[in-house]
Amino acid sequence: MQKQQRLLREIAKIAQSPPKGISLTSKDDKLNVFEGSIIGPENTPYYKGTFNLEILIPENYPFSPPSIKFLTKVYHPNIDDSGRICLDLIKMPPKGNWKPTIGLEGLLIAIKMLLENPNPDDPLMMEIAEEFKNNKSEFERKARTCTEDYAIQ
């Protein structure tokens, strides 16, 4: 019951004042599956793209982090071809930094920030990270092309 009340509060907060470029909707009555979307940030190769995410809520939420993955293909050093995201906030300590106070809004904001500021020093995709470090213009070209092909309707 605590999980459901917490999620209802989180949804209401996001609905009342959604963070810029972020939305969240429940996909079932049990509040176990959500769909999030992030509009690609300005001044990035993801600009004007809409990136959909699947968010699976564990039974012991908020004490364990949700499982989040991109449904939209993204060319990014911290996001793999399956949509998995390399982000400390969605991992339990000691390897990660999840805290029950973070919540869904905080996670979606952090993922949007990851789109704005890739972390090539902790990549899921080594080749893309190397490209980001050594040939940023080529990385941006490929990321922009991928965004145009998969994230712009």
Protein backbone atom coordinates (compact mmCIF):
# COMPACT_ATOMS: atom_id res chain seq x y z
CA MET A 1 0.00 0.00 0.00
CA GLN A 2 2.89 2.35 0.80
CA LYS A 3 4.25 1.84 -2.73
CA GLN A 4 0.93 2.71 -4.35
CA GLN A 5 0.39 5.86 -2.25
CA ARG A 6 3.93 7.01 -2.96
CA LEU A 7 3.53 6.47 -6.71
CA LEU A 8 0.17 8.27 -6.78
CA ARG A 9 1.81 11.27 -5.06
CA GLU A 10 4.71 11.20 -7.52
CA ILE A 11 2.38 11.05 -10.53
CA ALA A 12 0.24 13.90 -9.19
CA LYS A 13 3.32 16.06 -8.61
CA ILE A 14 4.62 15.47 -12.15
CA ALA A 15 1.15 16.10 -13.62
CA GLN A 16 0.76 19.40 -11.70
CA SER A 17 4.16 20.79 -12.64
CA PRO A 18 5.92 18.59 -15.16
CA PRO A 19 9.65 19.13 -15.59
CA LYS A 20 10.39 20.72 -18.97
CA GLY A 21 10.38 18.10 -21.72
CA ILE A 22 9.41 15.19 -19.46
CA SER A 23 6.17 13.22 -19.18
CA LEU A 24 5.08 10.11 -17.29
CA THR A 25 2.00 7.90 -17.64
CA SER A 26 0.96 4.69 -15.94
CA LYS A 27 0.48 1.67 -18.18
CA ASP A 28 -1.49 -0.45 -15.69
CA ASP A 29 -3.82 -0.08 -12.71
CA LYS A 30 -1.32 -1.68 -10.34
CA LEU A 31 1.20 1.10 -10.98
CA ASN A 32 3.89 -1.45 -11.87
CA VAL A 33 4.61 -0.25 -15.40
CA PHE A 34 5.03 3.33 -16.59
CA GLU A 35 5.91 4.98 -19.84
CA GLY A 36 8.06 8.05 -19.69
CA SER A 37 9.11 10.35 -22.46
CA ILE A 38 11.88 12.87 -22.74
CA ILE A 39 12.11 15.54 -25.40
CA GLY A 40 15.69 15.81 -26.67
CA PRO A 41 17.38 18.78 -25.02
CA GLU A 42 18.28 21.88 -27.04
CA ASN A 43 21.89 22.23 -28.17
CA THR A 44 22.31 18.45 -28.35
CA PRO A 45 22.15 16.02 -31.29
CA TYR A 46 18.94 14.69 -29.66
CA TYR A 47 17.08 18.01 -30.05
CA LYS A 48 13.49 17.67 -31.34
CA GLY A 49 13.49 13.91 -30.75
CA THR A 50 10.99 12.22 -28.45
CA PHE A 51 12.56 9.37 -26.51
CA ASN A 52 10.23 6.86 -24.90
CA LEU A 53 11.18 4.86 -21.83
CA GLU A 54 9.73 1.85 -20.08
CA ILE A 55 9.77 2.05 -16.29
CA LEU A 56 9.15 -1.11 -14.26
CA ILE A 57 8.42 -0.58 -10.56
CA PRO A 58 9.64 -3.27 -8.16
CA GLU A 59 7.44 -4.55 -5.32
CA ASN A 60 9.63 -2.92 -2.68
CA TYR A 61 9.72 0.53 -4.31
CA PRO A 62 10.94 3.08 -3.17
CA PHE A 63 13.51 0.99 -1.32
CA SER A 64 14.72 -0.49 -4.62
CA PRO A 65 15.08 1.53 -7.82
CA PRO A 66 12.83 1.06 -10.81
CA SER A 67 14.16 -0.67 -13.89
CA ILE A 68 14.30 1.85 -16.73
CA LYS A 69 15.18 1.38 -20.37
CA PHE A 70 14.84 3.36 -23.56
CA LEU A 71 12.27 2.03 -26.03
CA THR A 72 13.52 4.53 -28.62
CA LYS A 73 16.91 3.80 -30.18
CA VAL A 74 19.56 6.27 -28.97
CA TYR A 75 23.15 6.72 -30.15
CA HIS A 76 24.86 7.43 -26.83
CA PRO A 77 27.89 6.09 -24.92
CA ASN A 78 25.80 5.37 -21.80
CA ILE A 79 22.82 3.69 -23.51
CA ASP A 80 23.19 0.33 -25.23
CA ASP A 81 21.34 -1.13 -28.22
CA SER A 82 18.81 -2.78 -25.88
CA GLY A 83 17.97 0.58 -24.29
CA ARG A 84 19.73 -0.16 -20.99
CA ILE A 85 21.09 2.92 -19.25
CA CYS A 86 24.39 3.23 -17.39
CA LEU A 87 23.45 5.59 -14.57
CA ASP A 88 24.45 5.25 -10.91
CA LEU A 89 21.06 6.50 -9.68
CA ILE A 90 19.27 3.40 -10.96
CA LYS A 91 21.59 0.98 -9.17
CA MET A 92 21.57 -0.06 -5.53
CA PRO A 93 24.54 0.80 -3.31
CA PRO A 94 27.41 0.00 -3.05
CA LYS A 95 27.79 0.10 -6.86
CA GLY A 96 25.05 2.66 -7.32
CA ASN A 97 23.59 5.72 -5.66
CA TRP A 98 19.86 4.91 -5.45
CA LYS A 99 18.08 6.48 -2.49
CA PRO A 100 14.33 6.23 -1.81
CA THR A 101 14.14 10.04 -1.82
CA ILE A 102 15.08 10.28 -5.52
CA GLY A 103 11.75 9.20 -7.03
CA LEU A 104 10.62 8.94 -10.64
CA GLU A 105 10.83 12.66 -11.38
CA GLY A 106 14.44 12.78 -10.17
CA LEU A 107 15.35 9.76 -12.29
CA LEU A 108 13.76 11.19 -15.43
CA ILE A 109 15.55 14.51 -14.90
CA ALA A 110 18.85 12.65 -14.40
CA ILE A 111 18.30 10.68 -17.63
CA LYS A 112 17.55 13.90 -19.51
CA MET A 113 20.76 15.37 -18.08
CA LEU A 114 22.63 12.26 -19.28
CA LEU A 115 21.37 13.01 -22.81
CA GLU A 116 22.73 16.55 -22.41
CA ASN A 117 26.03 15.45 -20.88
CA PRO A 118 27.19 11.95 -21.83
CA ASN A 119 29.72 10.32 -19.52
CA PRO A 120 32.29 8.66 -21.81
CA ASP A 121 34.35 7.58 -18.77
CA ASP A 122 31.64 5.12 -17.63
CA PRO A 123 30.26 3.79 -20.92
CA LEU A 124 28.07 0.89 -21.91
CA MET A 125 29.13 1.41 -25.51
CA MET A 126 32.94 1.64 -25.66
CA GLU A 127 33.18 2.50 -29.35
CA ILE A 128 30.71 5.36 -29.02
CA ALA A 129 32.55 6.63 -25.92
CA GLU A 130 35.86 6.62 -27.81
CA GLU A 131 34.23 8.44 -30.69
CA PHE A 132 32.73 11.00 -28.28
CA LYS A 133 36.19 11.64 -26.80
CA ASN A 134 38.25 11.60 -30.01
CA ASN A 135 35.91 12.69 -32.81
CA LYS A 136 33.03 14.61 -31.28
CA SER A 137 31.75 15.98 -34.59
CA GLU A 138 31.35 12.42 -35.95
CA PHE A 139 29.63 11.34 -32.73
CA GLU A 140 27.21 14.28 -33.02
CA ARG A 141 26.53 13.51 -36.69
CA LYS A 142 25.69 9.87 -35.93
CA ALA A 143 23.60 10.79 -32.87
CA ARG A 144 21.66 13.38 -34.91
CA THR A 145 21.05 10.86 -37.72
CA CYS A 146 19.86 8.23 -35.23
CA THR A 147 17.55 10.80 -33.60
CA GLU A 148 16.10 11.76 -37.01
CA ASP A 149 15.60 8.09 -37.95
CA TYR A 150 14.05 6.85 -34.68
CA ALA A 151 12.92 9.71 -32.44
CA ILE A 152 11.27 12.24 -34.73
CA GLN A 153 7.74 11.36 -35.85
